[in-house]
């Protein structure tokens, strides 16, 4: 994780940066502590990271002794909040409290915090919880799991891999805190695309040729 998620300026490889798409979302306010210099670092425009923002969650880039997160208490809280919100016909006060237990430690009072009146429906609350997962678990590998989990969800599903900022861009000036910011995008990949199921490895097929006829569709 330190190698992949850390900026090259910090000794990492500068490969997996924070997307300007998520950075610029209104539910990720500019004064959110998770955007502070204590939590993120921007690579230079001429570095491998091309000016992208990178997480500082993994501090030991040299020896790579940081713990790899498996599950955190924040996930337990957001899991419970989502379950309550999804099964309640109205805005569930306990779900809001659990969401705030995660969010309010990062968002200053009076700016970006939620109350029950922030949501007109339970559906809006569920969406806020899913949004919070996206920013709380940056650089922890959770987004990919949620894309799969919600792949066929008619209400909340991203329905595949959403369109992304093109990797050819210089990212330096794309972190505007404005969701209307535009730039070159890579096309979305629908959840029905065959690439969501990886191919059987060549080595396995070589060791067991009968698998050649069982290769996953599209490969």
N, C-alpha and C. Protein backbone atom coordinates (compact mmCIF):
# COMPACT_ATOMS: atom_id res chain seq x y z
N UNK A 1 0.80 -1.21 0.00
CA UNK A 1 0.00 0.00 0.00
C UNK A 1 0.84 1.27 0.00
N UNK A 2 1.91 1.40 0.84
CA UNK A 2 2.70 2.63 0.79
C UNK A 2 3.30 2.88 -0.58
N UNK A 3 3.71 1.83 -1.25
CA UNK A 3 4.31 1.98 -2.57
C UNK A 3 3.32 2.51 -3.58
N UNK A 4 2.10 1.99 -3.57
CA UNK A 4 1.10 2.33 -4.58
C UNK A 4 0.41 3.65 -4.30
N UNK A 5 0.06 3.89 -3.04
CA UNK A 5 -0.78 5.02 -2.69
C UNK A 5 -0.01 6.28 -2.31
N UNK A 6 1.30 6.19 -2.11
CA UNK A 6 2.08 7.35 -1.67
C UNK A 6 2.62 8.12 -2.86
N UNK A 7 2.74 9.43 -2.69
CA UNK A 7 3.28 10.30 -3.73
C UNK A 7 4.73 9.97 -3.99
N UNK A 8 5.16 10.16 -5.22
CA UNK A 8 6.57 9.94 -5.52
C UNK A 8 7.44 10.91 -4.75
N UNK A 9 6.90 12.09 -4.44
CA UNK A 9 7.65 13.08 -3.66
C UNK A 9 7.94 12.58 -2.25
N UNK A 10 7.15 11.60 -1.79
CA UNK A 10 7.34 11.03 -0.46
C UNK A 10 8.11 9.71 -0.51
N UNK A 11 8.52 9.31 -1.71
CA UNK A 11 9.25 8.06 -1.86
C UNK A 11 8.42 6.92 -2.39
N UNK A 12 7.13 7.16 -2.63
CA UNK A 12 6.28 6.13 -3.21
C UNK A 12 6.39 6.12 -4.72
N UNK A 13 5.55 5.31 -5.34
CA UNK A 13 5.58 5.20 -6.81
C UNK A 13 4.61 6.18 -7.47
N UNK A 14 3.75 6.79 -6.70
CA UNK A 14 2.85 7.78 -7.26
C UNK A 14 1.91 7.20 -8.29
N UNK A 15 1.30 6.06 -7.99
CA UNK A 15 0.47 5.36 -8.98
C UNK A 15 -1.02 5.58 -8.74
N UNK A 16 -1.49 5.38 -7.51
CA UNK A 16 -2.93 5.45 -7.22
C UNK A 16 -3.22 6.75 -6.48
N UNK A 17 -3.55 7.78 -7.25
CA UNK A 17 -3.86 9.07 -6.66
C UNK A 17 -5.33 9.20 -6.32
N UNK A 18 -5.67 10.31 -5.68
CA UNK A 18 -7.06 10.61 -5.35
C UNK A 18 -7.68 11.29 -6.56
N UNK A 19 -8.77 10.74 -7.04
CA UNK A 19 -9.42 11.28 -8.23
C UNK A 19 -9.94 12.69 -7.97
N UNK A 20 -9.72 13.63 -8.91
CA UNK A 20 -10.33 14.95 -8.75
C UNK A 20 -11.85 14.88 -8.77
N UNK A 21 -12.41 13.81 -9.34
CA UNK A 21 -13.86 13.64 -9.33
C UNK A 21 -14.41 13.56 -7.91
N UNK A 22 -13.78 12.74 -7.07
CA UNK A 22 -14.25 12.62 -5.70
C UNK A 22 -13.83 13.84 -4.89
N UNK A 23 -12.66 14.37 -5.16
CA UNK A 23 -12.17 15.55 -4.44
C UNK A 23 -13.14 16.72 -4.58
N UNK A 24 -13.72 16.89 -5.76
CA UNK A 24 -14.55 18.06 -6.06
C UNK A 24 -16.02 17.89 -5.69
N UNK A 25 -16.39 16.76 -5.11
CA UNK A 25 -17.79 16.54 -4.77
C UNK A 25 -18.23 17.42 -3.60
N UNK A 26 -19.46 17.92 -3.63
CA UNK A 26 -19.93 18.80 -2.54
C UNK A 26 -19.98 18.11 -1.18
N UNK A 27 -20.09 16.77 -1.15
CA UNK A 27 -20.11 16.08 0.14
C UNK A 27 -18.70 15.90 0.72
N UNK A 28 -17.69 16.40 0.00
CA UNK A 28 -16.30 16.36 0.47
C UNK A 28 -15.80 17.81 0.54
N UNK A 29 -16.23 18.56 1.56
CA UNK A 29 -15.97 20.01 1.60
C UNK A 29 -14.49 20.35 1.70
N UNK A 30 -14.17 21.57 1.30
CA UNK A 30 -12.77 22.01 1.25
C UNK A 30 -12.10 21.98 2.62
N UNK A 31 -12.88 22.19 3.69
CA UNK A 31 -12.29 22.23 5.03
C UNK A 31 -12.36 20.89 5.75
N UNK A 32 -12.71 19.84 5.02
CA UNK A 32 -12.69 18.49 5.60
C UNK A 32 -11.25 18.14 5.99
N UNK A 33 -11.06 17.68 7.21
CA UNK A 33 -9.71 17.36 7.69
C UNK A 33 -9.04 16.32 6.80
N UNK A 34 -9.82 15.48 6.15
CA UNK A 34 -9.26 14.45 5.29
C UNK A 34 -8.66 15.01 4.01
N UNK A 35 -8.83 16.32 3.81
CA UNK A 35 -8.19 17.03 2.70
C UNK A 35 -6.97 17.83 3.16
N UNK A 36 -6.68 17.81 4.43
CA UNK A 36 -5.60 18.64 4.97
C UNK A 36 -4.23 18.06 4.62
N UNK A 37 -3.21 18.87 4.80
CA UNK A 37 -1.84 18.44 4.51
C UNK A 37 -1.39 17.31 5.42
N UNK A 38 -2.09 17.10 6.52
CA UNK A 38 -1.76 15.97 7.39
C UNK A 38 -2.20 14.65 6.78
N UNK A 39 -3.14 14.71 5.85
CA UNK A 39 -3.73 13.50 5.28
C UNK A 39 -3.38 13.26 3.82
N UNK A 40 -3.06 14.32 3.08
CA UNK A 40 -2.79 14.17 1.64
C UNK A 40 -1.55 14.96 1.25
N UNK A 41 -0.99 14.57 0.13
CA UNK A 41 0.19 15.25 -0.41
C UNK A 41 0.08 15.29 -1.93
N UNK A 42 0.39 16.43 -2.50
CA UNK A 42 0.31 16.55 -3.95
C UNK A 42 1.69 16.37 -4.58
N UNK A 43 1.74 15.52 -5.61
CA UNK A 43 2.97 15.33 -6.36
C UNK A 43 3.19 16.49 -7.31
N UNK A 44 4.41 16.64 -7.76
CA UNK A 44 4.71 17.66 -8.73
C UNK A 44 4.18 17.30 -10.11
N UNK A 45 3.96 18.31 -10.94
CA UNK A 45 3.39 18.09 -12.26
C UNK A 45 4.27 17.23 -13.14
N UNK A 46 5.58 17.26 -12.93
CA UNK A 46 6.50 16.49 -13.77
C UNK A 46 6.87 15.14 -13.17
N UNK A 47 6.29 14.81 -12.01
CA UNK A 47 6.59 13.55 -11.34
C UNK A 47 5.71 12.44 -11.92
N UNK A 48 5.97 11.18 -11.55
CA UNK A 48 5.10 10.09 -12.02
C UNK A 48 3.64 10.30 -11.68
N UNK A 49 3.37 10.99 -10.55
CA UNK A 49 1.99 11.24 -10.15
C UNK A 49 1.31 12.35 -10.91
N UNK A 50 2.04 13.07 -11.75
CA UNK A 50 1.49 14.11 -12.63
C UNK A 50 0.63 15.12 -11.89
N UNK A 51 1.07 15.50 -10.70
CA UNK A 51 0.36 16.53 -9.95
C UNK A 51 -0.86 16.05 -9.21
N UNK A 52 -1.05 14.75 -9.10
CA UNK A 52 -2.22 14.22 -8.39
C UNK A 52 -2.05 14.33 -6.88
N UNK A 53 -3.17 14.30 -6.17
CA UNK A 53 -3.16 14.23 -4.72
C UNK A 53 -3.03 12.77 -4.31
N UNK A 54 -2.22 12.53 -3.28
CA UNK A 54 -2.01 11.17 -2.78
C UNK A 54 -2.25 11.11 -1.28
N UNK A 55 -2.72 9.95 -0.83
CA UNK A 55 -2.98 9.75 0.58
C UNK A 55 -1.68 9.65 1.37
N UNK A 56 -1.74 10.12 2.61
CA UNK A 56 -0.61 9.97 3.54
C UNK A 56 -0.98 8.98 4.65
N UNK A 57 -1.96 8.12 4.38
CA UNK A 57 -2.35 7.14 5.38
C UNK A 57 -1.24 6.13 5.66
N UNK A 58 -0.38 5.92 4.68
CA UNK A 58 0.71 4.95 4.84
C UNK A 58 2.01 5.74 4.89
N UNK A 59 2.52 5.94 6.10
CA UNK A 59 3.64 6.86 6.30
C UNK A 59 5.00 6.23 6.04
N UNK A 60 5.12 4.93 6.23
CA UNK A 60 6.42 4.27 6.12
C UNK A 60 6.64 3.77 4.69
N UNK A 61 6.96 4.70 3.81
CA UNK A 61 7.15 4.34 2.41
C UNK A 61 8.44 3.55 2.22
N UNK A 62 9.43 3.80 3.08
CA UNK A 62 10.74 3.16 2.94
C UNK A 62 10.71 1.69 3.35
N UNK A 63 10.30 1.42 4.58
CA UNK A 63 10.31 0.04 5.08
C UNK A 63 8.98 -0.67 4.88
N UNK A 64 7.92 0.09 4.65
CA UNK A 64 6.58 -0.46 4.38
C UNK A 64 6.07 -1.33 5.53
N UNK A 65 6.19 -0.80 6.73
CA UNK A 65 5.76 -1.56 7.90
C UNK A 65 4.35 -1.17 8.35
N UNK A 66 3.69 -0.28 7.60
CA UNK A 66 2.35 0.14 8.00
C UNK A 66 1.39 -1.05 8.00
N UNK A 67 0.46 -1.03 8.94
CA UNK A 67 -0.58 -2.05 8.95
C UNK A 67 -1.48 -1.88 7.73
N UNK A 68 -1.87 -2.98 7.11
CA UNK A 68 -2.82 -2.96 6.01
C UNK A 68 -4.22 -3.06 6.61
N UNK A 69 -5.08 -2.07 6.39
CA UNK A 69 -6.41 -2.11 7.01
C UNK A 69 -7.26 -3.25 6.47
N UNK A 70 -7.82 -4.03 7.35
CA UNK A 70 -8.75 -5.10 6.98
C UNK A 70 -10.18 -4.62 7.24
N UNK A 71 -10.41 -4.16 8.45
CA UNK A 71 -11.69 -3.54 8.79
C UNK A 71 -11.42 -2.52 9.88
N UNK A 72 -12.09 -1.39 9.78
CA UNK A 72 -11.96 -0.34 10.78
C UNK A 72 -13.31 -0.08 11.43
N UNK A 73 -13.26 0.53 12.60
CA UNK A 73 -14.50 0.82 13.31
C UNK A 73 -15.40 1.74 12.49
N UNK A 74 -14.79 2.63 11.70
CA UNK A 74 -15.59 3.51 10.84
C UNK A 74 -16.44 2.69 9.88
N UNK A 75 -15.90 1.57 9.39
CA UNK A 75 -16.69 0.73 8.50
C UNK A 75 -17.84 0.06 9.24
N UNK A 76 -17.59 -0.37 10.46
CA UNK A 76 -18.65 -0.97 11.27
C UNK A 76 -19.80 0.02 11.44
N UNK A 77 -19.46 1.27 11.75
CA UNK A 77 -20.48 2.30 11.95
C UNK A 77 -21.26 2.57 10.67
N UNK A 78 -20.55 2.69 9.56
CA UNK A 78 -21.23 2.99 8.30
C UNK A 78 -22.02 1.79 7.80
N UNK A 79 -21.54 0.57 8.07
CA UNK A 79 -22.32 -0.63 7.72
C UNK A 79 -23.66 -0.63 8.46
N UNK A 80 -23.59 -0.35 9.75
CA UNK A 80 -24.81 -0.33 10.57
C UNK A 80 -25.74 0.79 10.12
N UNK A 81 -25.16 1.95 9.82
CA UNK A 81 -25.96 3.09 9.37
C UNK A 81 -26.69 2.76 8.07
N UNK A 82 -25.99 2.13 7.15
CA UNK A 82 -26.59 1.79 5.87
C UNK A 82 -27.72 0.76 6.05
N UNK A 83 -27.49 -0.22 6.89
CA UNK A 83 -28.51 -1.24 7.12
C UNK A 83 -29.77 -0.61 7.71
N UNK A 84 -29.60 0.26 8.69
CA UNK A 84 -30.74 0.92 9.30
C UNK A 84 -31.47 1.81 8.30
N UNK A 85 -30.71 2.57 7.53
CA UNK A 85 -31.31 3.51 6.58
C UNK A 85 -32.06 2.77 5.47
N UNK A 86 -31.50 1.66 5.02
CA UNK A 86 -32.13 0.90 3.94
C UNK A 86 -33.42 0.22 4.38
N UNK A 87 -33.53 -0.09 5.66
CA UNK A 87 -34.69 -0.84 6.14
C UNK A 87 -35.70 0.05 6.86
N UNK A 88 -35.51 1.35 6.79
CA UNK A 88 -36.44 2.28 7.44
C UNK A 88 -37.21 3.06 6.38
N UNK A 89 -38.52 3.16 6.54
CA UNK A 89 -39.33 3.90 5.56
C UNK A 89 -39.11 5.41 5.62
N UNK A 90 -38.63 5.90 6.75
CA UNK A 90 -38.36 7.32 6.92
C UNK A 90 -36.91 7.50 7.35
N UNK A 91 -36.48 8.74 7.46
CA UNK A 91 -35.10 9.02 7.86
C UNK A 91 -34.87 8.51 9.28
N UNK A 92 -33.94 7.58 9.41
CA UNK A 92 -33.69 6.91 10.69
C UNK A 92 -32.69 7.72 11.52
N UNK A 93 -33.10 8.14 12.69
CA UNK A 93 -32.26 8.99 13.53
C UNK A 93 -30.98 8.29 13.97
N UNK A 94 -31.07 7.00 14.24
CA UNK A 94 -29.88 6.24 14.65
C UNK A 94 -28.89 6.14 13.50
N UNK A 95 -29.39 5.97 12.28
CA UNK A 95 -28.51 5.91 11.11
C UNK A 95 -27.79 7.24 10.92
N UNK A 96 -28.50 8.34 11.12
CA UNK A 96 -27.87 9.66 11.00
C UNK A 96 -26.78 9.82 12.06
N UNK A 97 -27.06 9.38 13.28
CA UNK A 97 -26.08 9.48 14.36
C UNK A 97 -24.84 8.66 14.06
N UNK A 98 -25.01 7.47 13.52
CA UNK A 98 -23.86 6.62 13.18
C UNK A 98 -23.05 7.24 12.04
N UNK A 99 -23.74 7.78 11.04
CA UNK A 99 -23.04 8.49 9.97
C UNK A 99 -22.23 9.65 10.53
N UNK A 100 -22.83 10.41 11.42
CA UNK A 100 -22.14 11.56 11.99
C UNK A 100 -20.98 11.17 12.89
N UNK A 101 -21.05 9.99 13.48
CA UNK A 101 -19.94 9.53 14.31
C UNK A 101 -18.66 9.41 13.49
N UNK A 102 -18.81 9.13 12.22
CA UNK A 102 -17.66 9.07 11.31
C UNK A 102 -17.36 10.46 10.74
N UNK A 103 -18.38 11.11 10.23
CA UNK A 103 -18.18 12.36 9.50
C UNK A 103 -17.76 13.54 10.38
N UNK A 104 -18.36 13.66 11.56
CA UNK A 104 -18.18 14.87 12.33
C UNK A 104 -16.80 15.02 12.94
N UNK A 105 -16.03 13.97 12.99
CA UNK A 105 -14.67 14.10 13.49
C UNK A 105 -13.76 14.71 12.42
N UNK A 106 -14.26 14.80 11.17
CA UNK A 106 -13.45 15.32 10.09
C UNK A 106 -13.98 16.63 9.52
N UNK A 107 -15.25 16.94 9.79
CA UNK A 107 -15.87 18.14 9.24
C UNK A 107 -16.14 19.12 10.37
N UNK A 108 -15.65 20.36 10.28
CA UNK A 108 -15.85 21.33 11.37
C UNK A 108 -17.32 21.61 11.64
N UNK A 109 -17.61 21.93 12.87
CA UNK A 109 -18.98 22.24 13.26
C UNK A 109 -19.51 23.41 12.46
N UNK A 110 -20.76 23.29 12.01
CA UNK A 110 -21.38 24.36 11.25
C UNK A 110 -21.05 24.35 9.78
N UNK A 111 -20.30 23.33 9.33
CA UNK A 111 -19.93 23.29 7.92
C UNK A 111 -19.90 21.85 7.44
N UNK A 112 -20.96 21.41 6.75
CA UNK A 112 -20.96 20.08 6.16
C UNK A 112 -21.44 18.97 7.06
N UNK A 113 -21.86 19.31 8.29
CA UNK A 113 -22.38 18.28 9.18
C UNK A 113 -23.86 18.03 8.90
N UNK A 114 -24.31 16.82 9.19
CA UNK A 114 -25.68 16.44 8.89
C UNK A 114 -26.56 16.44 10.13
N UNK A 115 -27.84 16.70 9.91
CA UNK A 115 -28.88 16.48 10.90
C UNK A 115 -29.98 15.68 10.20
N UNK A 116 -30.98 15.26 10.94
CA UNK A 116 -32.08 14.52 10.32
C UNK A 116 -32.75 15.35 9.23
N UNK A 117 -32.82 16.66 9.43
CA UNK A 117 -33.48 17.53 8.46
C UNK A 117 -32.66 17.72 7.18
N UNK A 118 -31.43 17.19 7.17
CA UNK A 118 -30.60 17.26 5.96
C UNK A 118 -31.14 16.36 4.86
N UNK A 119 -32.00 15.40 5.24
CA UNK A 119 -32.47 14.39 4.30
C UNK A 119 -34.00 14.38 4.23
N UNK A 120 -34.51 14.50 3.03
CA UNK A 120 -35.96 14.47 2.84
C UNK A 120 -36.49 13.05 2.87
N UNK A 121 -35.66 12.08 2.48
CA UNK A 121 -36.09 10.68 2.40
C UNK A 121 -34.99 9.76 2.90
N UNK A 122 -35.35 8.52 3.19
CA UNK A 122 -34.34 7.54 3.60
C UNK A 122 -33.39 7.25 2.44
N UNK A 123 -33.86 7.38 1.21
CA UNK A 123 -33.00 7.17 0.05
C UNK A 123 -31.88 8.19 0.02
N UNK A 124 -32.18 9.43 0.34
CA UNK A 124 -31.13 10.46 0.39
C UNK A 124 -30.11 10.14 1.49
N UNK A 125 -30.58 9.59 2.59
CA UNK A 125 -29.69 9.23 3.68
C UNK A 125 -28.76 8.08 3.26
N UNK A 126 -29.31 7.07 2.63
CA UNK A 126 -28.48 5.96 2.15
C UNK A 126 -27.40 6.48 1.21
N UNK A 127 -27.77 7.38 0.31
CA UNK A 127 -26.80 7.92 -0.63
C UNK A 127 -25.69 8.67 0.10
N UNK A 128 -26.05 9.42 1.14
CA UNK A 128 -25.04 10.14 1.92
C UNK A 128 -24.08 9.18 2.61
N UNK A 129 -24.60 8.06 3.09
CA UNK A 129 -23.75 7.05 3.75
C UNK A 129 -22.79 6.45 2.73
N UNK A 130 -23.28 6.12 1.54
CA UNK A 130 -22.42 5.58 0.50
C UNK A 130 -21.38 6.60 0.06
N UNK A 131 -21.77 7.87 0.02
CA UNK A 131 -20.81 8.92 -0.32
C UNK A 131 -19.71 9.00 0.74
N UNK A 132 -20.12 8.87 1.99
CA UNK A 132 -19.15 8.96 3.08
C UNK A 132 -18.14 7.81 3.01
N UNK A 133 -18.59 6.65 2.59
CA UNK A 133 -17.66 5.52 2.42
C UNK A 133 -16.58 5.89 1.41
N UNK A 134 -16.96 6.59 0.36
CA UNK A 134 -16.01 6.92 -0.70
C UNK A 134 -14.89 7.80 -0.18
N UNK A 135 -15.19 8.74 0.71
CA UNK A 135 -14.14 9.65 1.17
C UNK A 135 -13.44 9.13 2.43
N UNK A 136 -14.15 8.40 3.27
CA UNK A 136 -13.52 7.87 4.49
C UNK A 136 -12.52 6.78 4.17
N UNK A 137 -12.79 5.98 3.15
CA UNK A 137 -11.93 4.83 2.86
C UNK A 137 -11.04 5.04 1.64
N UNK A 138 -10.77 6.29 1.30
CA UNK A 138 -9.83 6.56 0.21
C UNK A 138 -8.50 5.85 0.50
N UNK A 139 -7.95 5.23 -0.53
CA UNK A 139 -6.66 4.55 -0.45
C UNK A 139 -6.70 3.31 0.45
N UNK A 140 -7.88 2.73 0.63
CA UNK A 140 -8.00 1.51 1.42
C UNK A 140 -8.61 0.35 0.62
N UNK A 141 -8.87 0.57 -0.66
CA UNK A 141 -9.35 -0.51 -1.50
C UNK A 141 -10.83 -0.81 -1.38
N UNK A 142 -11.59 0.05 -0.70
CA UNK A 142 -13.00 -0.23 -0.46
C UNK A 142 -13.89 0.12 -1.65
N UNK A 143 -13.49 1.10 -2.44
CA UNK A 143 -14.32 1.54 -3.54
C UNK A 143 -14.59 0.41 -4.54
N UNK A 144 -13.55 -0.36 -4.84
CA UNK A 144 -13.71 -1.46 -5.80
C UNK A 144 -14.72 -2.48 -5.28
N UNK A 145 -14.68 -2.76 -3.99
CA UNK A 145 -15.62 -3.71 -3.40
C UNK A 145 -17.05 -3.16 -3.47
N UNK A 146 -17.21 -1.87 -3.24
CA UNK A 146 -18.54 -1.28 -3.29
C UNK A 146 -19.07 -1.21 -4.72
N UNK A 147 -18.19 -1.01 -5.69
CA UNK A 147 -18.63 -1.03 -7.08
C UNK A 147 -19.23 -2.40 -7.42
N UNK A 148 -18.61 -3.47 -6.95
CA UNK A 148 -19.14 -4.81 -7.17
C UNK A 148 -20.42 -5.04 -6.35
N UNK A 149 -20.39 -4.65 -5.10
CA UNK A 149 -21.53 -4.87 -4.22
C UNK A 149 -22.79 -4.18 -4.75
N UNK A 150 -22.60 -3.01 -5.32
CA UNK A 150 -23.73 -2.21 -5.78
C UNK A 150 -23.92 -2.30 -7.29
N UNK A 151 -23.20 -3.22 -7.93
CA UNK A 151 -23.20 -3.28 -9.39
C UNK A 151 -24.58 -3.37 -10.00
N UNK A 152 -25.47 -4.13 -9.39
CA UNK A 152 -26.82 -4.33 -9.93
C UNK A 152 -27.89 -3.64 -9.08
N UNK A 153 -27.46 -2.74 -8.21
CA UNK A 153 -28.41 -2.01 -7.38
C UNK A 153 -29.09 -0.94 -8.23
N UNK A 154 -30.39 -1.05 -8.40
CA UNK A 154 -31.12 -0.16 -9.31
C UNK A 154 -31.13 1.29 -8.85
N UNK A 155 -30.97 1.51 -7.55
CA UNK A 155 -31.06 2.87 -7.01
C UNK A 155 -29.68 3.49 -6.81
N UNK A 156 -28.77 2.75 -6.18
CA UNK A 156 -27.50 3.32 -5.75
C UNK A 156 -26.30 2.83 -6.55
N UNK A 157 -26.52 1.89 -7.43
CA UNK A 157 -25.39 1.28 -8.13
C UNK A 157 -24.71 2.21 -9.12
N UNK A 158 -23.38 2.24 -9.12
CA UNK A 158 -22.66 2.98 -10.17
C UNK A 158 -22.77 2.29 -11.53
N UNK A 159 -23.30 1.04 -11.49
CA UNK A 159 -23.53 0.26 -12.71
C UNK A 159 -22.25 0.02 -13.50
N UNK A 160 -21.18 -0.18 -12.76
CA UNK A 160 -19.89 -0.44 -13.40
C UNK A 160 -18.84 0.52 -12.89
N UNK A 161 -17.78 0.65 -13.64
CA UNK A 161 -16.73 1.61 -13.30
C UNK A 161 -17.11 2.96 -13.92
N UNK A 162 -17.35 3.98 -13.11
CA UNK A 162 -17.74 5.27 -13.68
C UNK A 162 -16.62 5.87 -14.53
N UNK A 163 -16.98 6.83 -15.36
CA UNK A 163 -15.98 7.55 -16.15
C UNK A 163 -14.94 8.17 -15.22
N UNK A 164 -13.69 8.18 -15.67
CA UNK A 164 -12.58 8.66 -14.86
C UNK A 164 -11.83 9.77 -15.58
N UNK A 165 -11.15 10.60 -14.81
CA UNK A 165 -10.25 11.58 -15.40
C UNK A 165 -9.15 10.84 -16.15
N UNK A 166 -8.85 11.26 -17.34
CA UNK A 166 -7.85 10.59 -18.15
C UNK A 166 -6.49 10.58 -17.47
N UNK A 167 -5.83 9.45 -17.51
CA UNK A 167 -4.51 9.32 -16.90
C UNK A 167 -3.45 10.13 -17.63
N UNK A 168 -3.78 10.65 -18.81
CA UNK A 168 -2.82 11.47 -19.57
C UNK A 168 -2.77 12.91 -19.10
N UNK A 169 -3.68 13.28 -18.20
CA UNK A 169 -3.77 14.67 -17.76
C UNK A 169 -2.68 15.02 -16.76
N UNK A 170 -2.36 16.30 -16.69
CA UNK A 170 -1.62 16.84 -15.56
C UNK A 170 -2.68 17.29 -14.55
N UNK A 171 -2.66 16.70 -13.37
CA UNK A 171 -3.76 16.85 -12.43
C UNK A 171 -3.64 18.09 -11.52
N UNK A 172 -2.51 18.76 -11.55
CA UNK A 172 -2.20 19.79 -10.57
C UNK A 172 -3.35 20.75 -10.30
N UNK A 173 -3.97 21.26 -11.34
CA UNK A 173 -4.99 22.30 -11.17
C UNK A 173 -6.42 21.78 -11.25
N UNK A 174 -6.61 20.48 -11.14
CA UNK A 174 -7.95 19.92 -11.27
C UNK A 174 -8.69 19.81 -9.93
N UNK A 175 -7.98 20.03 -8.82
CA UNK A 175 -8.58 19.90 -7.49
C UNK A 175 -9.16 21.26 -7.08
N UNK A 176 -10.36 21.54 -7.58
CA UNK A 176 -10.95 22.87 -7.45
C UNK A 176 -12.01 22.98 -6.36
N UNK A 177 -12.45 21.85 -5.81
CA UNK A 177 -13.59 21.81 -4.89
C UNK A 177 -14.87 22.28 -5.57
N UNK A 178 -14.90 22.16 -6.89
CA UNK A 178 -16.06 22.55 -7.68
C UNK A 178 -16.48 21.38 -8.56
N UNK A 179 -17.65 20.80 -8.32
CA UNK A 179 -18.06 19.61 -9.09
C UNK A 179 -18.30 19.90 -10.56
N UNK A 180 -18.37 21.18 -10.95
CA UNK A 180 -18.59 21.52 -12.35
C UNK A 180 -17.31 21.53 -13.17
N UNK A 181 -16.17 21.30 -12.52
CA UNK A 181 -14.89 21.29 -13.22
C UNK A 181 -14.88 20.21 -14.30
N UNK A 182 -14.45 20.56 -15.49
CA UNK A 182 -14.43 19.60 -16.61
C UNK A 182 -13.00 19.33 -17.06
N UNK A 183 -12.80 18.14 -17.60
CA UNK A 183 -11.51 17.73 -18.14
C UNK A 183 -11.73 16.46 -18.93
N UNK A 184 -10.71 16.02 -19.63
CA UNK A 184 -10.80 14.83 -20.46
C UNK A 184 -11.08 13.61 -19.59
N UNK A 185 -12.02 12.79 -20.05
CA UNK A 185 -12.44 11.63 -19.27
C UNK A 185 -12.20 10.33 -20.04
N UNK A 186 -11.93 9.28 -19.29
CA UNK A 186 -11.94 7.93 -19.84
C UNK A 186 -13.36 7.38 -19.71
N UNK A 187 -13.81 6.66 -20.70
CA UNK A 187 -15.19 6.19 -20.73
C UNK A 187 -15.48 5.23 -19.57
N UNK A 188 -16.73 5.23 -19.13
CA UNK A 188 -17.19 4.29 -18.11
C UNK A 188 -17.16 2.87 -18.66
N UNK A 189 -17.04 1.90 -17.75
CA UNK A 189 -17.09 0.48 -18.12
C UNK A 189 -18.32 -0.12 -17.46
N UNK A 190 -19.33 -0.52 -18.23
CA UNK A 190 -20.57 -1.04 -17.63
C UNK A 190 -20.32 -2.35 -16.88
N UNK A 191 -21.15 -2.60 -15.88
CA UNK A 191 -20.97 -3.79 -15.06
C UNK A 191 -21.18 -5.08 -15.86
N UNK A 192 -21.85 -4.97 -17.00
CA UNK A 192 -22.06 -6.14 -17.86
C UNK A 192 -20.83 -6.49 -18.68
N UNK A 193 -19.80 -5.65 -18.67
CA UNK A 193 -18.60 -5.89 -19.46
C UNK A 193 -17.90 -7.17 -18.99
N UNK A 194 -17.42 -7.96 -19.94
CA UNK A 194 -16.79 -9.24 -19.60
C UNK A 194 -15.55 -9.07 -18.75
N UNK A 195 -14.93 -7.90 -18.77
CA UNK A 195 -13.67 -7.70 -18.03
C UNK A 195 -13.86 -7.68 -16.52
N UNK A 196 -15.12 -7.60 -16.06
CA UNK A 196 -15.35 -7.66 -14.63
C UNK A 196 -15.07 -9.05 -14.06
N UNK A 197 -15.06 -10.06 -14.91
CA UNK A 197 -14.64 -11.40 -14.51
C UNK A 197 -13.30 -11.66 -15.16
N UNK A 198 -12.26 -11.78 -14.37
CA UNK A 198 -10.91 -11.91 -14.90
C UNK A 198 -10.73 -13.25 -15.61
N UNK A 199 -9.74 -13.31 -16.51
CA UNK A 199 -9.48 -14.57 -17.21
C UNK A 199 -8.82 -15.59 -16.29
N UNK A 200 -9.00 -16.86 -16.61
CA UNK A 200 -8.24 -17.90 -15.92
C UNK A 200 -6.77 -17.71 -16.28
N UNK A 201 -5.86 -17.80 -15.32
CA UNK A 201 -4.44 -17.56 -15.59
C UNK A 201 -3.87 -18.55 -16.60
N UNK A 202 -2.97 -18.05 -17.45
CA UNK A 202 -2.33 -18.89 -18.46
C UNK A 202 -1.61 -20.06 -17.81
N UNK A 203 -0.97 -19.83 -16.68
CA UNK A 203 -0.25 -20.90 -15.99
C UNK A 203 -1.19 -22.04 -15.59
N UNK A 204 -2.39 -21.67 -15.11
CA UNK A 204 -3.34 -22.70 -14.72
C UNK A 204 -3.81 -23.50 -15.94
N UNK A 205 -4.02 -22.81 -17.06
CA UNK A 205 -4.45 -23.50 -18.27
C UNK A 205 -3.34 -24.41 -18.79
N UNK A 206 -2.09 -23.97 -18.67
CA UNK A 206 -0.95 -24.79 -19.12
C UNK A 206 -0.84 -26.05 -18.29
N UNK A 207 -1.12 -25.94 -17.00
CA UNK A 207 -1.03 -27.10 -16.11
C UNK A 207 -2.24 -28.02 -16.26
N UNK A 208 -3.34 -27.48 -16.73
CA UNK A 208 -4.56 -28.26 -16.89
C UNK A 208 -5.24 -27.82 -18.19
N UNK A 209 -4.84 -28.36 -19.33
CA UNK A 209 -5.34 -27.93 -20.64
C UNK A 209 -6.86 -28.00 -20.79
N UNK A 210 -7.52 -28.81 -19.98
CA UNK A 210 -8.99 -28.87 -20.10
C UNK A 210 -9.64 -27.54 -19.75
N UNK A 211 -8.91 -26.72 -19.01
CA UNK A 211 -9.45 -25.41 -18.64
C UNK A 211 -9.54 -24.47 -19.83
N UNK A 212 -8.80 -24.79 -20.90
CA UNK A 212 -8.81 -23.92 -22.07
C UNK A 212 -10.22 -23.78 -22.61
N UNK A 213 -10.98 -24.86 -22.52
CA UNK A 213 -12.36 -24.82 -23.00
C UNK A 213 -13.29 -24.16 -21.98
N UNK A 214 -12.76 -23.89 -20.79
CA UNK A 214 -13.59 -23.30 -19.74
C UNK A 214 -13.24 -21.82 -19.48
N UNK A 215 -12.40 -21.26 -20.36
CA UNK A 215 -11.99 -19.89 -20.16
C UNK A 215 -13.21 -18.96 -20.05
N UNK A 216 -13.11 -17.98 -19.19
CA UNK A 216 -14.22 -17.07 -18.96
C UNK A 216 -14.58 -16.31 -20.23
N UNK A 217 -15.84 -15.98 -20.43
CA UNK A 217 -16.30 -15.34 -21.67
C UNK A 217 -15.52 -14.07 -21.99
N UNK A 218 -15.21 -13.91 -23.26
CA UNK A 218 -14.54 -12.70 -23.73
C UNK A 218 -13.03 -12.79 -23.75
N UNK A 219 -12.46 -13.76 -23.05
CA UNK A 219 -11.02 -13.89 -22.97
C UNK A 219 -10.51 -15.01 -23.87
